[in-house]
PDB file of N, CA and C in Angstrom:
ATOM      1  N   UNK A   1      31.684 107.805  -4.787  1.00  0.00           N
ATOM      2  CA  UNK A   1      31.122 106.650  -5.461  1.00  0.00           C
ATOM      3  C   UNK A   1      31.792 105.352  -5.000  1.00  0.00           C
ATOM      4  N   UNK A   2      33.093 105.418  -4.738  1.00  0.00           N
ATOM      5  CA  UNK A   2      33.804 104.218  -4.316  1.00  0.00           C
ATOM      6  C   UNK A   2      33.238 103.683  -3.003  1.00  0.00           C
ATOM      7  N   UNK A   3      33.036 104.559  -2.019  1.00  0.00           N
ATOM      8  CA  UNK A   3      32.529 104.102  -0.726  1.00  0.00           C
ATOM      9  C   UNK A   3      31.124 103.514  -0.846  1.00  0.00           C
ATOM     10  N   UNK A   4      30.271 104.133  -1.656  1.00  0.00           N
ATOM     11  CA  UNK A   4      28.921 103.603  -1.875  1.00  0.00           C
ATOM     12  C   UNK A   4      28.977 102.218  -2.526  1.00  0.00           C
ATOM     13  N   UNK A   5      29.858 102.058  -3.474  1.00  0.00           N
ATOM     14  CA  UNK A   5      29.982 100.778  -4.163  1.00  0.00           C
ATOM     15  C   UNK A   5      30.528  99.713  -3.235  1.00  0.00           C
ATOM     16  N   UNK A   6      31.520 100.059  -2.443  1.00  0.00           N
ATOM     17  CA  UNK A   6      32.064  99.087  -1.491  1.00  0.00           C
ATOM     18  C   UNK A   6      31.007  98.681  -0.466  1.00  0.00           C
ATOM     19  N   UNK A   7      30.146  99.611  -0.080  1.00  0.00           N
ATOM     20  CA  UNK A   7      29.040  99.279   0.835  1.00  0.00           C
ATOM     21  C   UNK A   7      28.052  98.342   0.153  1.00  0.00           C
ATOM     22  N   UNK A   8      27.743  98.578  -1.110  1.00  0.00           N
ATOM     23  CA  UNK A   8      26.861  97.689  -1.867  1.00  0.00           C
ATOM     24  C   UNK A   8      27.456  96.282  -1.937  1.00  0.00           C
ATOM     25  N   UNK A   9      28.729  96.188  -2.218  1.00  0.00           N
ATOM     26  CA  UNK A   9      29.400  94.887  -2.277  1.00  0.00           C
ATOM     27  C   UNK A   9      29.323  94.204  -0.917  1.00  0.00           C
ATOM     28  N   UNK A  10      29.592  94.973   0.149  1.00  0.00           N
ATOM     29  CA  UNK A  10      29.520  94.399   1.497  1.00  0.00           C
ATOM     30  C   UNK A  10      28.134  93.821   1.767  1.00  0.00           C
ATOM     31  N   UNK A  11      27.098  94.555   1.364  1.00  0.00           N
ATOM     32  CA  UNK A  11      25.729  94.062   1.539  1.00  0.00           C
ATOM     33  C   UNK A  11      25.502  92.781   0.742  1.00  0.00           C
ATOM     34  N   UNK A  12      25.972  92.751  -0.485  1.00  0.00           N
ATOM     35  CA  UNK A  12      25.770  91.570  -1.326  1.00  0.00           C
ATOM     36  C   UNK A  12      26.454  90.336  -0.737  1.00  0.00           C
ATOM     37  N   UNK A  13      27.675  90.491  -0.249  1.00  0.00           N
ATOM     38  CA  UNK A  13      28.396  89.322   0.255  1.00  0.00           C
ATOM     39  C   UNK A  13      27.918  88.885   1.639  1.00  0.00           C
ATOM     40  N   UNK A  14      27.280  89.793   2.385  1.00  0.00           N
ATOM     41  CA  UNK A  14      26.776  89.390   3.694  1.00  0.00           C
ATOM     42  C   UNK A  14      25.317  88.926   3.643  1.00  0.00           C
ATOM     43  N   UNK A  15      24.560  89.402   2.654  1.00  0.00           N
ATOM     44  CA  UNK A  15      23.150  89.004   2.550  1.00  0.00           C
ATOM     45  C   UNK A  15      22.949  87.715   1.750  1.00  0.00           C
ATOM     46  N   UNK A  16      23.953  87.293   1.023  1.00  0.00           N
ATOM     47  CA  UNK A  16      23.881  86.059   0.250  1.00  0.00           C
ATOM     48  C   UNK A  16      24.882  85.062   0.816  1.00  0.00           C
ATOM     49  N   UNK A  17      24.437  83.869   1.172  1.00  0.00           N
ATOM     50  CA  UNK A  17      25.381  82.891   1.722  1.00  0.00           C
ATOM     51  C   UNK A  17      26.531  82.585   0.762  1.00  0.00           C
ATOM     52  N   UNK A  18      26.216  82.563  -0.533  1.00  0.00           N
ATOM     53  CA  UNK A  18      27.228  82.272  -1.553  1.00  0.00           C
ATOM     54  C   UNK A  18      26.994  83.231  -2.720  1.00  0.00           C
ATOM     55  N   UNK A  19      28.050  83.924  -3.140  1.00  0.00           N
ATOM     56  CA  UNK A  19      27.928  84.843  -4.275  1.00  0.00           C
ATOM     57  C   UNK A  19      29.197  84.789  -5.114  1.00  0.00           C
ATOM     58  N   UNK A  20      29.002  84.784  -6.414  1.00  0.00           N
ATOM     59  CA  UNK A  20      30.116  84.848  -7.350  1.00  0.00           C
ATOM     60  C   UNK A  20      30.008  86.145  -8.141  1.00  0.00           C
ATOM     61  N   UNK A  21      31.097  86.881  -8.171  1.00  0.00           N
ATOM     62  CA  UNK A  21      31.218  88.043  -9.041  1.00  0.00           C
ATOM     63  C   UNK A  21      31.959  87.552 -10.271  1.00  0.00           C
ATOM     64  N   UNK A  22      31.289  87.646 -11.405  1.00  0.00           N
ATOM     65  CA  UNK A  22      31.846  87.021 -12.597  1.00  0.00           C
ATOM     66  C   UNK A  22      31.638  87.865 -13.837  1.00  0.00           C
ATOM     67  N   UNK A  23      32.346  87.508 -14.873  1.00  0.00           N
ATOM     68  CA  UNK A  23      32.161  88.126 -16.182  1.00  0.00           C
ATOM     69  C   UNK A  23      31.035  87.359 -16.867  1.00  0.00           C
ATOM     70  N   UNK A  24      29.885  88.004 -16.974  1.00  0.00           N
ATOM     71  CA  UNK A  24      28.711  87.354 -17.536  1.00  0.00           C
ATOM     72  C   UNK A  24      27.842  86.771 -16.440  1.00  0.00           C
ATOM     73  N   UNK A  25      27.073  85.767 -16.813  1.00  0.00           N
ATOM     74  CA  UNK A  25      26.176  85.084 -15.878  1.00  0.00           C
ATOM     75  C   UNK A  25      26.475  83.587 -15.933  1.00  0.00           C
ATOM     76  N   UNK A  26      25.988  82.822 -14.951  1.00  0.00           N
ATOM     77  CA  UNK A  26      26.208  81.379 -15.025  1.00  0.00           C
ATOM     78  C   UNK A  26      25.661  80.768 -16.327  1.00  0.00           C
ATOM     79  N   UNK A  27      24.552  81.315 -16.818  1.00  0.00           N
ATOM     80  CA  UNK A  27      23.960  80.803 -18.046  1.00  0.00           C
ATOM     81  C   UNK A  27      24.717  81.272 -19.290  1.00  0.00           C
ATOM     82  N   UNK A  28      25.293  82.474 -19.232  1.00  0.00           N
ATOM     83  CA  UNK A  28      26.016  83.062 -20.362  1.00  0.00           C
ATOM     84  C   UNK A  28      27.334  83.688 -19.888  1.00  0.00           C
ATOM     85  N   UNK A  29      28.292  82.835 -19.472  1.00  0.00           N
ATOM     86  CA  UNK A  29      29.569  83.369 -19.004  1.00  0.00           C
ATOM     87  C   UNK A  29      30.337  84.029 -20.151  1.00  0.00           C
ATOM     88  N   UNK A  30      31.138  85.034 -19.792  1.00  0.00           N
ATOM     89  CA  UNK A  30      31.885  85.776 -20.798  1.00  0.00           C
ATOM     90  C   UNK A  30      33.393  85.568 -20.683  1.00  0.00           C
ATOM     91  N   UNK A  31      33.801  84.578 -19.907  1.00  0.00           N
ATOM     92  CA  UNK A  31      35.208  84.173 -19.891  1.00  0.00           C
ATOM     93  C   UNK A  31      35.291  82.762 -19.339  1.00  0.00           C
ATOM     94  N   UNK A  32      36.340  82.070 -19.689  1.00  0.00           N
ATOM     95  CA  UNK A  32      36.500  80.683 -19.277  1.00  0.00           C
ATOM     96  C   UNK A  32      36.628  80.503 -17.782  1.00  0.00           C
ATOM     97  N   UNK A  33      37.346  81.412 -17.112  1.00  0.00           N
ATOM     98  CA  UNK A  33      37.515  81.289 -15.661  1.00  0.00           C
ATOM     99  C   UNK A  33      36.183  81.445 -14.948  1.00  0.00           C
ATOM    100  N   UNK A  34      35.399  82.443 -15.355  1.00  0.00           N
ATOM    101  CA  UNK A  34      34.079  82.640 -14.766  1.00  0.00           C
ATOM    102  C   UNK A  34      33.184  81.438 -15.038  1.00  0.00           C
ATOM    103  N   UNK A  35      33.254  80.913 -16.238  1.00  0.00           N
ATOM    104  CA  UNK A  35      32.447  79.754 -16.612  1.00  0.00           C
ATOM    105  C   UNK A  35      32.769  78.552 -15.733  1.00  0.00           C
ATOM    106  N   UNK A  36      34.051  78.241 -15.590  1.00  0.00           N
ATOM    107  CA  UNK A  36      34.440  77.065 -14.799  1.00  0.00           C
ATOM    108  C   UNK A  36      34.081  77.233 -13.322  1.00  0.00           C
ATOM    109  N   UNK A  37      34.274  78.424 -12.784  1.00  0.00           N
ATOM    110  CA  UNK A  37      33.942  78.652 -11.373  1.00  0.00           C
ATOM    111  C   UNK A  37      32.437  78.529 -11.151  1.00  0.00           C
ATOM    112  N   UNK A  38      31.638  79.113 -12.028  1.00  0.00           N
ATOM    113  CA  UNK A  38      30.178  79.012 -11.903  1.00  0.00           C
ATOM    114  C   UNK A  38      29.714  77.572 -12.070  1.00  0.00           C
ATOM    115  N   UNK A  39      30.345  76.823 -12.969  1.00  0.00           N
ATOM    116  CA  UNK A  39      29.988  75.415 -13.155  1.00  0.00           C
ATOM    117  C   UNK A  39      30.285  74.608 -11.899  1.00  0.00           C
ATOM    118  N   UNK A  40      31.399  74.911 -11.234  1.00  0.00           N
ATOM    119  CA  UNK A  40      31.732  74.199  -9.995  1.00  0.00           C
ATOM    120  C   UNK A  40      30.698  74.498  -8.916  1.00  0.00           C
ATOM    121  N   UNK A  41      30.307  75.765  -8.784  1.00  0.00           N
ATOM    122  CA  UNK A  41      29.276  76.113  -7.809  1.00  0.00           C
ATOM    123  C   UNK A  41      27.966  75.400  -8.145  1.00  0.00           C
ATOM    124  N   UNK A  42      27.568  75.431  -9.399  1.00  0.00           N
ATOM    125  CA  UNK A  42      26.315  74.805  -9.819  1.00  0.00           C
ATOM    126  C   UNK A  42      26.352  73.294  -9.617  1.00  0.00           C
ATOM    127  N   UNK A  43      27.517  72.693  -9.802  1.00  0.00           N
ATOM    128  CA  UNK A  43      27.633  71.244  -9.675  1.00  0.00           C
ATOM    129  C   UNK A  43      27.406  70.755  -8.251  1.00  0.00           C
ATOM    130  N   UNK A  44      27.479  71.655  -7.276  1.00  0.00           N
ATOM    131  CA  UNK A  44      27.194  71.247  -5.897  1.00  0.00           C
ATOM    132  C   UNK A  44      25.700  70.998  -5.702  1.00  0.00           C
ATOM    133  N   UNK A  45      24.882  71.559  -6.607  1.00  0.00           N
ATOM    134  CA  UNK A  45      23.433  71.439  -6.471  1.00  0.00           C
ATOM    135  C   UNK A  45      22.836  72.426  -5.480  1.00  0.00           C
ATOM    136  N   UNK A  46      23.657  73.315  -4.954  1.00  0.00           N
ATOM    137  CA  UNK A  46      23.199  74.284  -3.961  1.00  0.00           C
ATOM    138  C   UNK A  46      23.006  75.656  -4.610  1.00  0.00           C
ATOM    139  N   UNK A  47      22.118  76.473  -4.046  1.00  0.00           N
ATOM    140  CA  UNK A  47      21.870  77.795  -4.635  1.00  0.00           C
ATOM    141  C   UNK A  47      23.018  78.766  -4.360  1.00  0.00           C
ATOM    142  N   UNK A  48      23.187  79.699  -5.286  1.00  0.00           N
ATOM    143  CA  UNK A  48      24.164  80.762  -5.110  1.00  0.00           C
ATOM    144  C   UNK A  48      23.714  81.973  -5.905  1.00  0.00           C
ATOM    145  N   UNK A  49      24.168  83.139  -5.473  1.00  0.00           N
ATOM    146  CA  UNK A  49      23.879  84.380  -6.188  1.00  0.00           C
ATOM    147  C   UNK A  49      25.027  84.664  -7.142  1.00  0.00           C
ATOM    148  N   UNK A  50      24.697  85.317  -8.251  1.00  0.00           N
ATOM    149  CA  UNK A  50      25.724  85.689  -9.227  1.00  0.00           C
ATOM    150  C   UNK A  50      25.553  87.158  -9.581  1.00  0.00           C
ATOM    151  N   UNK A  51      26.673  87.865  -9.653  1.00  0.00           N
ATOM    152  CA  UNK A  51      26.685  89.264 -10.037  1.00  0.00           C
ATOM    153  C   UNK A  51      27.551  89.393 -11.285  1.00  0.00           C
ATOM    154  N   UNK A  52      26.944  89.881 -12.355  1.00  0.00           N
ATOM    155  CA  UNK A  52      27.673  90.131 -13.592  1.00  0.00           C
ATOM    156  C   UNK A  52      28.399  91.469 -13.440  1.00  0.00           C
ATOM    157  N   UNK A  53      29.713  91.433 -13.369  1.00  0.00           N
ATOM    158  CA  UNK A  53      30.466  92.657 -13.128  1.00  0.00           C
ATOM    159  C   UNK A  53      30.349  93.652 -14.276  1.00  0.00           C
ATOM    160  N   UNK A  54      29.925  93.190 -15.444  1.00  0.00           N
ATOM    161  CA  UNK A  54      29.752  94.093 -16.580  1.00  0.00           C
ATOM    162  C   UNK A  54      28.438  94.873 -16.506  1.00  0.00           C
ATOM    163  N   UNK A  55      27.537  94.476 -15.597  1.00  0.00           N
ATOM    164  CA  UNK A  55      26.265  95.194 -15.434  1.00  0.00           C
ATOM    165  C   UNK A  55      26.414  96.474 -14.620  1.00  0.00           C
ATOM    166  N   UNK A  56      27.498  96.600 -13.876  1.00  0.00           N
ATOM    167  CA  UNK A  56      27.706  97.779 -13.031  1.00  0.00           C
ATOM    168  C   UNK A  56      29.180  98.167 -13.096  1.00  0.00           C
ATOM    169  N   UNK A  57      29.448  99.249 -13.791  1.00  0.00           N
ATOM    170  CA  UNK A  57      30.830  99.703 -13.975  1.00  0.00           C
ATOM    171  C   UNK A  57      31.536  99.947 -12.641  1.00  0.00           C
ATOM    172  N   UNK A  58      30.789 100.411 -11.643  1.00  0.00           N
ATOM    173  CA  UNK A  58      31.402 100.670 -10.342  1.00  0.00           C
ATOM    174  C   UNK A  58      31.838  99.377  -9.663  1.00  0.00           C
ATOM    175  N   UNK A  59      31.014  98.344  -9.741  1.00  0.00           N
ATOM    176  CA  UNK A  59      31.421  97.054  -9.171  1.00  0.00           C
ATOM    177  C   UNK A  59      32.655  96.541  -9.909  1.00  0.00           C
ATOM    178  N   UNK A  60      32.644  96.643 -11.221  1.00  0.00           N
ATOM    179  CA  UNK A  60      33.797  96.213 -12.019  1.00  0.00           C
ATOM    180  C   UNK A  60      35.067  96.951 -11.567  1.00  0.00           C
ATOM    181  N   UNK A  61      34.954  98.244 -11.343  1.00  0.00           N
ATOM    182  CA  UNK A  61      36.128  99.052 -10.993  1.00  0.00           C
ATOM    183  C   UNK A  61      36.568  98.903  -9.541  1.00  0.00           C
ATOM    184  N   UNK A  62      35.608  98.755  -8.619  1.00  0.00           N
ATOM    185  CA  UNK A  62      35.960  98.811  -7.207  1.00  0.00           C
ATOM    186  C   UNK A  62      36.006  97.458  -6.485  1.00  0.00           C
ATOM    187  N   UNK A  63      35.439  96.404  -7.056  1.00  0.00           N
ATOM    188  CA  UNK A  63      35.488  95.092  -6.399  1.00  0.00           C
ATOM    189  C   UNK A  63      36.922  94.652  -6.086  1.00  0.00           C
ATOM    190  N   UNK A  64      37.885  94.878  -6.973  1.00  0.00           N
ATOM    191  CA  UNK A  64      39.256  94.474  -6.630  1.00  0.00           C
ATOM    192  C   UNK A  64      39.791  95.100  -5.339  1.00  0.00           C
ATOM    193  N   UNK A  65      39.233  96.222  -4.914  1.00  0.00           N
ATOM    194  CA  UNK A  65      39.668  96.879  -3.679  1.00  0.00           C
ATOM    195  C   UNK A  65      38.980  96.320  -2.436  1.00  0.00           C
ATOM    196  N   UNK A  66      37.859  95.627  -2.626  1.00  0.00           N
ATOM    197  CA  UNK A  66      37.066  95.178  -1.474  1.00  0.00           C
ATOM    198  C   UNK A  66      37.864  94.233  -0.582  1.00  0.00           C
ATOM    199  N   UNK A  67      38.499  93.245  -1.178  1.00  0.00           N
ATOM    200  CA  UNK A  67      39.324  92.313  -0.417  1.00  0.00           C
ATOM    201  C   UNK A  67      40.736  92.210  -0.988  1.00  0.00           C
ATOM    202  N   UNK A  68      41.140  93.230  -1.736  1.00  0.00           N
ATOM    203  CA  UNK A  68      42.475  93.272  -2.328  1.00  0.00           C
ATOM    204  C   UNK A  68      42.732  92.023  -3.185  1.00  0.00           C
ATOM    205  N   UNK A  69      41.766  91.723  -4.040  1.00  0.00           N
ATOM    206  CA  UNK A  69      41.867  90.589  -4.968  1.00  0.00           C
ATOM    207  C   UNK A  69      41.650  91.159  -6.369  1.00  0.00           C
ATOM    208  N   UNK A  70      42.687  91.182  -7.204  1.00  0.00           N
ATOM    209  CA  UNK A  70      42.625  91.956  -8.445  1.00  0.00           C
ATOM    210  C   UNK A  70      41.903  91.311  -9.626  1.00  0.00           C
ATOM    211  N   UNK A  71      41.592  90.035  -9.532  1.00  0.00           N
ATOM    212  CA  UNK A  71      41.059  89.346 -10.709  1.00  0.00           C
ATOM    213  C   UNK A  71      39.626  88.866 -10.499  1.00  0.00           C
ATOM    214  N   UNK A  72      39.006  88.451 -11.590  1.00  0.00           N
ATOM    215  CA  UNK A  72      37.657  87.894 -11.596  1.00  0.00           C
ATOM    216  C   UNK A  72      37.725  86.496 -12.176  1.00  0.00           C
ATOM    217  N   UNK A  73      36.884  85.599 -11.713  1.00  0.00           N
ATOM    218  CA  UNK A  73      35.791  85.785 -10.761  1.00  0.00           C
ATOM    219  C   UNK A  73      36.286  85.860  -9.321  1.00  0.00           C
ATOM    220  N   UNK A  74      35.379  86.304  -8.465  1.00  0.00           N
ATOM    221  CA  UNK A  74      35.605  86.289  -7.025  1.00  0.00           C
ATOM    222  C   UNK A  74      34.421  85.582  -6.385  1.00  0.00           C
ATOM    223  N   UNK A  75      34.705  84.601  -5.529  1.00  0.00           N
ATOM    224  CA  UNK A  75      33.649  83.829  -4.884  1.00  0.00           C
ATOM    225  C   UNK A  75      33.710  84.091  -3.381  1.00  0.00           C
ATOM    226  N   UNK A  76      32.547  84.459  -2.834  1.00  0.00           N
ATOM    227  CA  UNK A  76      32.410  84.721  -1.400  1.00  0.00           C
ATOM    228  C   UNK A  76      31.440  83.707  -0.819  1.00  0.00           C
ATOM    229  N   UNK A  77      31.838  83.123   0.304  1.00  0.00           N
ATOM    230  CA  UNK A  77      30.973  82.193   1.031  1.00  0.00           C
ATOM    231  C   UNK A  77      30.945  82.654   2.478  1.00  0.00           C
ATOM    232  N   UNK A  78      29.743  82.827   2.997  1.00  0.00           N
ATOM    233  CA  UNK A  78      29.544  83.316   4.365  1.00  0.00           C
ATOM    234  C   UNK A  78      30.277  84.637   4.584  1.00  0.00           C
ATOM    235  N   UNK A  79      30.252  85.489   3.573  1.00  0.00           N
ATOM    236  CA  UNK A  79      30.850  86.805   3.689  1.00  0.00           C
ATOM    237  C   UNK A  79      32.350  86.860   3.511  1.00  0.00           C
ATOM    238  N   UNK A  80      32.978  85.710   3.297  1.00  0.00           N
ATOM    239  CA  UNK A  80      34.435  85.655   3.187  1.00  0.00           C
ATOM    240  C   UNK A  80      34.846  85.312   1.757  1.00  0.00           C
ATOM    241  N   UNK A  81      35.862  85.988   1.274  1.00  0.00           N
ATOM    242  CA  UNK A  81      36.417  85.671  -0.036  1.00  0.00           C
ATOM    243  C   UNK A  81      37.125  84.326   0.042  1.00  0.00           C
ATOM    244  N   UNK A  82      36.687  83.385  -0.803  1.00  0.00           N
ATOM    245  CA  UNK A  82      37.417  82.119  -0.833  1.00  0.00           C
ATOM    246  C   UNK A  82      38.429  82.101  -1.967  1.00  0.00           C
ATOM    247  N   UNK A  83      38.235  82.966  -2.969  1.00  0.00           N
ATOM    248  CA  UNK A  83      39.205  83.048  -4.049  1.00  0.00           C
ATOM    249  C   UNK A  83      38.555  83.118  -5.405  1.00  0.00           C
ATOM    250  N   UNK A  84      39.314  82.684  -6.400  1.00  0.00           N
ATOM    251  CA  UNK A  84      38.859  82.713  -7.774  1.00  0.00           C
ATOM    252  C   UNK A  84      38.624  81.330  -8.326  1.00  0.00           C
ATOM    253  N   UNK A  85      38.852  81.187  -9.605  1.00  0.00           N
ATOM    254  CA  UNK A  85      38.531  79.956 -10.311  1.00  0.00           C
ATOM    255  C   UNK A  85      39.332  78.752  -9.806  1.00  0.00           C
ATOM    256  N   UNK A  86      40.655  78.865  -9.770  1.00  0.00           N
ATOM    257  CA  UNK A  86      41.486  77.715  -9.411  1.00  0.00           C
ATOM    258  C   UNK A  86      41.167  77.186  -8.018  1.00  0.00           C
ATOM    259  N   UNK A  87      41.048  78.082  -7.062  1.00  0.00           N
ATOM    260  CA  UNK A  87      40.751  77.671  -5.684  1.00  0.00           C
ATOM    261  C   UNK A  87      39.372  77.015  -5.618  1.00  0.00           C
ATOM    262  N   UNK A  88      38.401  77.590  -6.320  1.00  0.00           N
ATOM    263  CA  UNK A  88      37.049  77.039  -6.327  1.00  0.00           C
ATOM    264  C   UNK A  88      37.038  75.631  -6.915  1.00  0.00           C
ATOM    265  N   UNK A  89      37.762  75.428  -8.005  1.00  0.00           N
ATOM    266  CA  UNK A  89      37.824  74.099  -8.617  1.00  0.00           C
ATOM    267  C   UNK A  89      38.492  73.087  -7.689  1.00  0.00           C
ATOM    268  N   UNK A  90      39.565  73.488  -7.036  1.00  0.00           N
ATOM    269  CA  UNK A  90      40.236  72.590  -6.085  1.00  0.00           C
ATOM    270  C   UNK A  90      39.296  72.216  -4.944  1.00  0.00           C
ATOM    271  N   UNK A  91      38.583  73.205  -4.430  1.00  0.00           N
ATOM    272  CA  UNK A  91      37.651  72.939  -3.332  1.00  0.00           C
ATOM    273  C   UNK A  91      36.504  72.041  -3.795  1.00  0.00           C
ATOM    274  N   UNK A  92      36.043  72.229  -5.016  1.00  0.00           N
ATOM    275  CA  UNK A  92      34.981  71.373  -5.545  1.00  0.00           C
ATOM    276  C   UNK A  92      35.466  69.928  -5.638  1.00  0.00           C
ATOM    277  N   UNK A  93      36.641  69.738  -6.195  1.00  0.00           N
ATOM    278  CA  UNK A  93      37.175  68.384  -6.387  1.00  0.00           C
ATOM    279  C   UNK A  93      37.397  67.667  -5.065  1.00  0.00           C
ATOM    280  N   UNK A  94      37.736  68.402  -4.014  1.00  0.00           N
ATOM    281  CA  UNK A  94      37.969  67.782  -2.709  1.00  0.00           C
ATOM    282  C   UNK A  94      36.679  67.571  -1.918  1.00  0.00           C
ATOM    283  N   UNK A  95      35.567  68.174  -2.380  1.00  0.00           N
ATOM    284  CA  UNK A  95      34.313  68.092  -1.651  1.00  0.00           C
ATOM    285  C   UNK A  95      34.134  69.216  -0.640  1.00  0.00           C
ATOM    286  N   UNK A  96      35.182  69.998  -0.444  1.00  0.00           N
ATOM    287  CA  UNK A  96      35.146  71.083   0.543  1.00  0.00           C
ATOM    288  C   UNK A  96      34.175  72.195   0.140  1.00  0.00           C
ATOM    289  N   UNK A  97      34.044  72.452  -1.157  1.00  0.00           N
ATOM    290  CA  UNK A  97      33.182  73.533  -1.629  1.00  0.00           C
ATOM    291  C   UNK A  97      31.734  73.295  -1.225  1.00  0.00           C
ATOM    292  N   UNK A  98      31.226  72.112  -1.489  1.00  0.00           N
ATOM    293  CA  UNK A  98      29.827  71.813  -1.157  1.00  0.00           C
ATOM    294  C   UNK A  98      29.600  71.906   0.349  1.00  0.00           C
ATOM    295  N   UNK A  99      30.533  71.372   1.129  1.00  0.00           N
ATOM    296  CA  UNK A  99      30.401  71.423   2.589  1.00  0.00           C
ATOM    297  C   UNK A  99      30.369  72.869   3.090  1.00  0.00           C
ATOM    298  N   UNK A 100      31.273  73.693   2.571  1.00  0.00           N
ATOM    299  CA  UNK A 100      31.341  75.088   2.986  1.00  0.00           C
ATOM    300  C   UNK A 100      30.087  75.846   2.573  1.00  0.00           C
ATOM    301  N   UNK A 101      29.622  75.598   1.359  1.00  0.00           N
ATOM    302  CA  UNK A 101      28.396  76.248   0.883  1.00  0.00           C
ATOM    303  C   UNK A 101      27.203  75.834   1.732  1.00  0.00           C
ATOM    304  N   UNK A 102      27.081  74.545   2.029  1.00  0.00           N
ATOM    305  CA  UNK A 102      25.938  74.060   2.808  1.00  0.00           C
ATOM    306  C   UNK A 102      25.956  74.664   4.204  1.00  0.00           C
ATOM    307  N   UNK A 103      27.115  74.764   4.799  1.00  0.00           N
ATOM    308  CA  UNK A 103      27.232  75.358   6.132  1.00  0.00           C
ATOM    309  C   UNK A 103      26.777  76.824   6.089  1.00  0.00           C
ATOM    310  N   UNK A 104      27.207  77.568   5.080  1.00  0.00           N
ATOM    311  CA  UNK A 104      26.814  78.990   4.964  1.00  0.00           C
ATOM    312  C   UNK A 104      25.313  79.129   4.743  1.00  0.00           C
ATOM    313  N   UNK A 105      24.741  78.266   3.925  1.00  0.00           N
ATOM    314  CA  UNK A 105      23.305  78.302   3.662  1.00  0.00           C
ATOM    315  C   UNK A 105      22.527  77.973   4.923  1.00  0.00           C
ATOM    316  N   UNK A 106      22.982  76.953   5.649  1.00  0.00           N
ATOM    317  CA  UNK A 106      22.308  76.574   6.897  1.00  0.00           C
ATOM    318  C   UNK A 106      22.377  77.697   7.923  1.00  0.00           C
ATOM    319  N   UNK A 107      23.532  78.349   8.051  1.00  0.00           N
ATOM    320  CA  UNK A 107      23.688  79.452   9.001  1.00  0.00           C
ATOM    321  C   UNK A 107      22.792  80.629   8.637  1.00  0.00           C
ATOM    322  N   UNK A 108      22.676  80.911   7.348  1.00  0.00           N
ATOM    323  CA  UNK A 108      21.832  82.035   6.902  1.00  0.00           C
ATOM    324  C   UNK A 108      20.358  81.760   7.149  1.00  0.00           C
ATOM    325  N   UNK A 109      19.969  80.500   7.192  1.00  0.00           N
ATOM    326  CA  UNK A 109      18.576  80.137   7.384  1.00  0.00           C
ATOM    327  C   UNK A 109      18.146  80.252   8.843  1.00  0.00           C
ATOM    328  N   UNK A 110      19.104  80.350   9.760  1.00  0.00           N
ATOM    329  CA  UNK A 110      18.775  80.416  11.198  1.00  0.00           C
ATOM    330  C   UNK A 110      18.214  81.759  11.575  1.00  0.00           C
TER     331      UNK A 110
END
């Protein structure tokens, strides 16, 4: 089950230019860190995918092994883990988040 789940995660992070694995959804977050990270992504005005880790017990259990990142949320842009809430907020405040997201979206559209 672990290998199947890790493959599913790999597909999700490579098929979506931007994806957040979070507790809850952007509309109904279930923790403050997930809420703030999703708000930062949404504030860029760019699209992103969201995966509620509580909807799939296997994702909840095995996502920390995918990139050796033990906490949630986890934000991936262009298939790469950029980090969690604090890093996402810092990148948003500097303008780097929107630039990185736009680049990933543009590359995926090619």
